[in-house]
Amino acid sequence: MRVLGIETSCDETGIAVFDSDEGLIADAIYSQAEMHARFGGVVPELASRDHIRKTLPLIREVLSA
């Protein structure tokens, strides 16, 4: 069985494909740390918009691996 894992924190998005026989197939992580550093911490509105912008491209990247 293959599983698509999607995880987000306040400033990171992680996507992975795991196979019960083969193990980890592919994974990708996107960090917003640099974007938020200039504000001295996470800005929720910016984080939310960036998650929306990056999640689908990361899914496509992982599924094409």
PDB file of N, CA and C in Angstrom:
ATOM      1  N   MET A   1       0.848  -1.169   0.000  1.00  0.00           N
ATOM      2  CA  MET A   1       0.000   0.000   0.000  1.00  0.00           C
ATOM      3  C   MET A   1       0.898   1.239   0.000  1.00  0.00           C
ATOM      4  N   ARG A   2       0.522   2.240  -0.773  1.00  0.00           N
ATOM      5  CA  ARG A   2       1.241   3.512  -0.789  1.00  0.00           C
ATOM      6  C   ARG A   2       0.422   4.562  -0.057  1.00  0.00           C
ATOM      7  N   VAL A   3       1.149   5.397   0.688  1.00  0.00           N
ATOM      8  CA  VAL A   3       0.516   6.442   1.480  1.00  0.00           C
ATOM      9  C   VAL A   3       1.137   7.780   1.106  1.00  0.00           C
ATOM     10  N   LEU A   4       0.295   8.780   0.894  1.00  0.00           N
ATOM     11  CA  LEU A   4       0.747  10.146   0.688  1.00  0.00           C
ATOM     12  C   LEU A   4       0.595  10.862   2.017  1.00  0.00           C
ATOM     13  N   GLY A   5       1.706  11.326   2.575  1.00  0.00           N
ATOM     14  CA  GLY A   5       1.678  12.049   3.841  1.00  0.00           C
ATOM     15  C   GLY A   5       1.845  13.536   3.605  1.00  0.00           C
ATOM     16  N   ILE A   6       0.992  14.326   4.242  1.00  0.00           N
ATOM     17  CA  ILE A   6       1.064  15.782   4.143  1.00  0.00           C
ATOM     18  C   ILE A   6       1.089  16.330   5.562  1.00  0.00           C
ATOM     19  N   GLU A   7       2.116  17.123   5.864  1.00  0.00           N
ATOM     20  CA  GLU A   7       2.267  17.675   7.213  1.00  0.00           C
ATOM     21  C   GLU A   7       2.641  19.137   7.094  1.00  0.00           C
ATOM     22  N   THR A   8       2.000  19.957   7.898  1.00  0.00           N
ATOM     23  CA  THR A   8       2.395  21.357   7.963  1.00  0.00           C
ATOM     24  C   THR A   8       2.534  21.770   9.416  1.00  0.00           C
ATOM     25  N   SER A   9       3.471  22.656   9.649  1.00  0.00           N
ATOM     26  CA  SER A   9       3.595  23.312  10.945  1.00  0.00           C
ATOM     27  C   SER A   9       3.324  24.785  10.677  1.00  0.00           C
ATOM     28  N   CYS A  10       3.639  25.628  11.612  1.00  0.00           N
ATOM     29  CA  CYS A  10       3.370  27.045  11.369  1.00  0.00           C
ATOM     30  C   CYS A  10       4.222  27.602  10.237  1.00  0.00           C
ATOM     31  N   ASP A  11       5.391  27.016   9.977  1.00  0.00           N
ATOM     32  CA  ASP A  11       6.270  27.591   8.952  1.00  0.00           C
ATOM     33  C   ASP A  11       6.951  26.565   8.042  1.00  0.00           C
ATOM     34  N   GLU A  12       6.469  25.327   8.027  1.00  0.00           N
ATOM     35  CA  GLU A  12       7.032  24.315   7.141  1.00  0.00           C
ATOM     36  C   GLU A  12       5.921  23.453   6.552  1.00  0.00           C
ATOM     37  N   THR A  13       6.187  22.957   5.351  1.00  0.00           N
ATOM     38  CA  THR A  13       5.282  22.021   4.688  1.00  0.00           C
ATOM     39  C   THR A  13       6.094  20.808   4.282  1.00  0.00           C
ATOM     40  N   GLY A  14       5.633  19.623   4.643  1.00  0.00           N
ATOM     41  CA  GLY A  14       6.321  18.393   4.278  1.00  0.00           C
ATOM     42  C   GLY A  14       5.368  17.443   3.576  1.00  0.00           C
ATOM     43  N   ILE A  15       5.851  16.841   2.491  1.00  0.00           N
ATOM     44  CA  ILE A  15       5.069  15.891   1.706  1.00  0.00           C
ATOM     45  C   ILE A  15       5.930  14.651   1.506  1.00  0.00           C
ATOM     46  N   ALA A  16       5.330  13.464   1.620  1.00  0.00           N
ATOM     47  CA  ALA A  16       6.090  12.233   1.403  1.00  0.00           C
ATOM     48  C   ALA A  16       5.185  11.145   0.842  1.00  0.00           C
ATOM     49  N   VAL A  17       5.814  10.224   0.116  1.00  0.00           N
ATOM     50  CA  VAL A  17       5.142   9.012  -0.342  1.00  0.00           C
ATOM     51  C   VAL A  17       5.875   7.843   0.293  1.00  0.00           C
ATOM     52  N   PHE A  18       5.115   6.994   0.974  1.00  0.00           N
ATOM     53  CA  PHE A  18       5.671   5.823   1.662  1.00  0.00           C
ATOM     54  C   PHE A  18       4.979   4.583   1.129  1.00  0.00           C
ATOM     55  N   ASP A  19       5.760   3.554   0.862  1.00  0.00           N
ATOM     56  CA  ASP A  19       5.232   2.277   0.392  1.00  0.00           C
ATOM     57  C   ASP A  19       5.480   1.228   1.468  1.00  0.00           C
ATOM     58  N   SER A  20       4.473   0.427   1.782  1.00  0.00           N
ATOM     59  CA  SER A  20       4.612  -0.561   2.856  1.00  0.00           C
ATOM     60  C   SER A  20       5.658  -1.623   2.541  1.00  0.00           C
ATOM     61  N   ASP A  21       5.955  -1.853   1.273  1.00  0.00           N
ATOM     62  CA  ASP A  21       6.990  -2.824   0.901  1.00  0.00           C
ATOM     63  C   ASP A  21       8.343  -2.170   0.640  1.00  0.00           C
ATOM     64  N   GLU A  22       8.345  -1.009   0.006  1.00  0.00           N
ATOM     65  CA  GLU A  22       9.585  -0.359  -0.410  1.00  0.00           C
ATOM     66  C   GLU A  22      10.100   0.695   0.564  1.00  0.00           C
ATOM     67  N   GLY A  23       9.280   1.128   1.493  1.00  0.00           N
ATOM     68  CA  GLY A  23       9.684   2.183   2.421  1.00  0.00           C
ATOM     69  C   GLY A  23       9.439   3.560   1.817  1.00  0.00           C
ATOM     70  N   LEU A  24      10.274   4.518   2.211  1.00  0.00           N
ATOM     71  CA  LEU A  24      10.117   5.890   1.740  1.00  0.00           C
ATOM     72  C   LEU A  24      10.455   5.970   0.255  1.00  0.00           C
ATOM     73  N   ILE A  25       9.512   6.446  -0.532  1.00  0.00           N
ATOM     74  CA  ILE A  25       9.695   6.576  -1.979  1.00  0.00           C
ATOM     75  C   ILE A  25      10.253   7.955  -2.318  1.00  0.00           C
ATOM     76  N   ALA A  26       9.657   8.993  -1.761  1.00  0.00           N
ATOM     77  CA  ALA A  26      10.083  10.365  -2.038  1.00  0.00           C
ATOM     78  C   ALA A  26       9.559  11.281  -0.943  1.00  0.00           C
ATOM     79  N   ASP A  27      10.279  12.380  -0.727  1.00  0.00           N
ATOM     80  CA  ASP A  27       9.812  13.376   0.229  1.00  0.00           C
ATOM     81  C   ASP A  27      10.354  14.744  -0.154  1.00  0.00           C
ATOM     82  N   ALA A  28       9.676  15.782   0.314  1.00  0.00           N
ATOM     83  CA  ALA A  28      10.093  17.158   0.073  1.00  0.00           C
ATOM     84  C   ALA A  28       9.624  18.009   1.243  1.00  0.00           C
ATOM     85  N   ILE A  29      10.456  18.969   1.612  1.00  0.00           N
ATOM     86  CA  ILE A  29      10.120  19.894   2.699  1.00  0.00           C
ATOM     87  C   ILE A  29      10.362  21.313   2.208  1.00  0.00           C
ATOM     88  N   TYR A  30       9.425  22.186   2.499  1.00  0.00           N
ATOM     89  CA  TYR A  30       9.571  23.606   2.195  1.00  0.00           C
ATOM     90  C   TYR A  30       9.507  24.364   3.516  1.00  0.00           C
ATOM     91  N   SER A  31      10.490  25.212   3.758  1.00  0.00           N
ATOM     92  CA  SER A  31      10.549  25.996   4.986  1.00  0.00           C
ATOM     93  C   SER A  31      10.306  27.472   4.688  1.00  0.00           C
ATOM     94  N   GLN A  32       9.534  28.106   5.541  1.00  0.00           N
ATOM     95  CA  GLN A  32       9.259  29.534   5.437  1.00  0.00           C
ATOM     96  C   GLN A  32      10.125  30.344   6.401  1.00  0.00           C
ATOM     97  N   ALA A  33      11.084  29.706   7.054  1.00  0.00           N
ATOM     98  CA  ALA A  33      11.869  30.361   8.107  1.00  0.00           C
ATOM     99  C   ALA A  33      12.504  31.661   7.636  1.00  0.00           C
ATOM    100  N   GLU A  34      13.074  31.646   6.447  1.00  0.00           N
ATOM    101  CA  GLU A  34      13.733  32.852   5.936  1.00  0.00           C
ATOM    102  C   GLU A  34      12.736  33.990   5.738  1.00  0.00           C
ATOM    103  N   MET A  35      11.558  33.658   5.233  1.00  0.00           N
ATOM    104  CA  MET A  35      10.531  34.671   5.004  1.00  0.00           C
ATOM    105  C   MET A  35      10.104  35.333   6.317  1.00  0.00           C
ATOM    106  N   HIS A  36       9.936  34.540   7.370  1.00  0.00           N
ATOM    107  CA  HIS A  36       9.451  35.065   8.646  1.00  0.00           C
ATOM    108  C   HIS A  36      10.555  35.716   9.477  1.00  0.00           C
ATOM    109  N   ALA A  37      11.805  35.395   9.206  1.00  0.00           N
ATOM    110  CA  ALA A  37      12.920  35.922  10.005  1.00  0.00           C
ATOM    111  C   ALA A  37      12.938  37.444  10.016  1.00  0.00           C
ATOM    112  N   ARG A  38      12.619  38.046   8.902  1.00  0.00           N
ATOM    113  CA  ARG A  38      12.666  39.518   8.839  1.00  0.00           C
ATOM    114  C   ARG A  38      11.602  40.179   9.709  1.00  0.00           C
ATOM    115  N   PHE A  39      10.589  39.399  10.132  1.00  0.00           N
ATOM    116  CA  PHE A  39       9.538  39.925  11.003  1.00  0.00           C
ATOM    117  C   PHE A  39       9.762  39.551  12.468  1.00  0.00           C
ATOM    118  N   GLY A  40      10.789  38.765  12.741  1.00  0.00           N
ATOM    119  CA  GLY A  40      11.083  38.356  14.110  1.00  0.00           C
ATOM    120  C   GLY A  40      10.204  37.224  14.611  1.00  0.00           C
ATOM    121  N   GLY A  41       9.469  36.583  13.739  1.00  0.00           N
ATOM    122  CA  GLY A  41       8.599  35.470  14.118  1.00  0.00           C
ATOM    123  C   GLY A  41       7.595  35.197  13.020  1.00  0.00           C
ATOM    124  N   VAL A  42       6.823  34.151  13.214  1.00  0.00           N
ATOM    125  CA  VAL A  42       5.857  33.736  12.199  1.00  0.00           C
ATOM    126  C   VAL A  42       4.694  34.722  12.123  1.00  0.00           C
ATOM    127  N   VAL A  43       4.374  35.122  10.908  1.00  0.00           N
ATOM    128  CA  VAL A  43       3.208  35.970  10.646  1.00  0.00           C
ATOM    129  C   VAL A  43       2.122  35.043  10.088  1.00  0.00           C
ATOM    130  N   PRO A  44       1.080  34.745  10.876  1.00  0.00           N
ATOM    131  CA  PRO A  44       0.092  33.742  10.477  1.00  0.00           C
ATOM    132  C   PRO A  44      -0.515  33.946   9.087  1.00  0.00           C
ATOM    133  N   GLU A  45      -0.868  35.159   8.734  1.00  0.00           N
ATOM    134  CA  GLU A  45      -1.479  35.407   7.420  1.00  0.00           C
ATOM    135  C   GLU A  45      -0.513  35.066   6.287  1.00  0.00           C
ATOM    136  N   LEU A  46       0.744  35.456   6.419  1.00  0.00           N
ATOM    137  CA  LEU A  46       1.749  35.127   5.402  1.00  0.00           C
ATOM    138  C   LEU A  46       1.984  33.619   5.342  1.00  0.00           C
ATOM    139  N   ALA A  47       2.044  32.993   6.510  1.00  0.00           N
ATOM    140  CA  ALA A  47       2.272  31.544   6.565  1.00  0.00           C
ATOM    141  C   ALA A  47       1.142  30.794   5.868  1.00  0.00           C
ATOM    142  N   SER A  48      -0.082  31.180   6.138  1.00  0.00           N
ATOM    143  CA  SER A  48      -1.240  30.522   5.538  1.00  0.00           C
ATOM    144  C   SER A  48      -1.221  30.641   4.020  1.00  0.00           C
ATOM    145  N   ARG A  49      -0.978  31.828   3.532  1.00  0.00           N
ATOM    146  CA  ARG A  49      -0.942  32.043   2.078  1.00  0.00           C
ATOM    147  C   ARG A  49       0.198  31.261   1.430  1.00  0.00           C
ATOM    148  N   ASP A  50       1.339  31.193   2.104  1.00  0.00           N
ATOM    149  CA  ASP A  50       2.486  30.481   1.546  1.00  0.00           C
ATOM    150  C   ASP A  50       2.243  28.970   1.540  1.00  0.00           C
ATOM    151  N   HIS A  51       1.580  28.444   2.574  1.00  0.00           N
ATOM    152  CA  HIS A  51       1.214  27.017   2.576  1.00  0.00           C
ATOM    153  C   HIS A  51       0.331  26.702   1.366  1.00  0.00           C
ATOM    154  N   ILE A  52      -0.655  27.536   1.112  1.00  0.00           N
ATOM    155  CA  ILE A  52      -1.556  27.326  -0.024  1.00  0.00           C
ATOM    156  C   ILE A  52      -0.771  27.343  -1.333  1.00  0.00           C
ATOM    157  N   ARG A  53       0.158  28.270  -1.437  1.00  0.00           N
ATOM    158  CA  ARG A  53       0.939  28.432  -2.671  1.00  0.00           C
ATOM    159  C   ARG A  53       1.896  27.273  -2.917  1.00  0.00           C
ATOM    160  N   LYS A  54       2.440  26.659  -1.864  1.00  0.00           N
ATOM    161  CA  LYS A  54       3.494  25.656  -2.019  1.00  0.00           C
ATOM    162  C   LYS A  54       3.036  24.205  -1.913  1.00  0.00           C
ATOM    163  N   THR A  55       1.882  23.934  -1.324  1.00  0.00           N
ATOM    164  CA  THR A  55       1.484  22.544  -1.080  1.00  0.00           C
ATOM    165  C   THR A  55       1.293  21.750  -2.372  1.00  0.00           C
ATOM    166  N   LEU A  56       0.524  22.242  -3.305  1.00  0.00           N
ATOM    167  CA  LEU A  56       0.283  21.497  -4.543  1.00  0.00           C
ATOM    168  C   LEU A  56       1.566  21.279  -5.357  1.00  0.00           C
ATOM    169  N   PRO A  57       2.432  22.289  -5.527  1.00  0.00           N
ATOM    170  CA  PRO A  57       3.695  22.027  -6.228  1.00  0.00           C
ATOM    171  C   PRO A  57       4.555  20.966  -5.537  1.00  0.00           C
ATOM    172  N   LEU A  58       4.566  20.940  -4.208  1.00  0.00           N
ATOM    173  CA  LEU A  58       5.330  19.908  -3.496  1.00  0.00           C
ATOM    174  C   LEU A  58       4.725  18.526  -3.719  1.00  0.00           C
ATOM    175  N   ILE A  59       3.402  18.438  -3.719  1.00  0.00           N
ATOM    176  CA  ILE A  59       2.743  17.152  -3.993  1.00  0.00           C
ATOM    177  C   ILE A  59       3.127  16.669  -5.388  1.00  0.00           C
ATOM    178  N   ARG A  60       3.066  17.557  -6.357  1.00  0.00           N
ATOM    179  CA  ARG A  60       3.441  17.182  -7.732  1.00  0.00           C
ATOM    180  C   ARG A  60       4.893  16.725  -7.802  1.00  0.00           C
ATOM    181  N   GLU A  61       5.773  17.437  -7.099  1.00  0.00           N
ATOM    182  CA  GLU A  61       7.197  17.075  -7.082  1.00  0.00           C
ATOM    183  C   GLU A  61       7.406  15.669  -6.531  1.00  0.00           C
ATOM    184  N   VAL A  62       6.756  15.383  -5.419  1.00  0.00           N
ATOM    185  CA  VAL A  62       6.929  14.083  -4.769  1.00  0.00           C
ATOM    186  C   VAL A  62       6.309  12.958  -5.606  1.00  0.00           C
ATOM    187  N   LEU A  63       5.149  13.202  -6.187  1.00  0.00           N
ATOM    188  CA  LEU A  63       4.498  12.163  -6.985  1.00  0.00           C
ATOM    189  C   LEU A  63       5.234  11.877  -8.294  1.00  0.00           C
ATOM    190  N   SER A  64       6.008  12.835  -8.764  1.00  0.00           N
ATOM    191  CA  SER A  64       6.743  12.614 -10.012  1.00  0.00           C
ATOM    192  C   SER A  64       8.100  11.954  -9.788  1.00  0.00           C
ATOM    193  N   ALA A  65       8.504  11.803  -8.540  1.00  0.00           N
ATOM    194  CA  ALA A  65       9.816  11.206  -8.227  1.00  0.00           C
ATOM    195  C   ALA A  65       9.799   9.698  -8.420  1.00  0.00           C
TER     196      ALA A  65
END
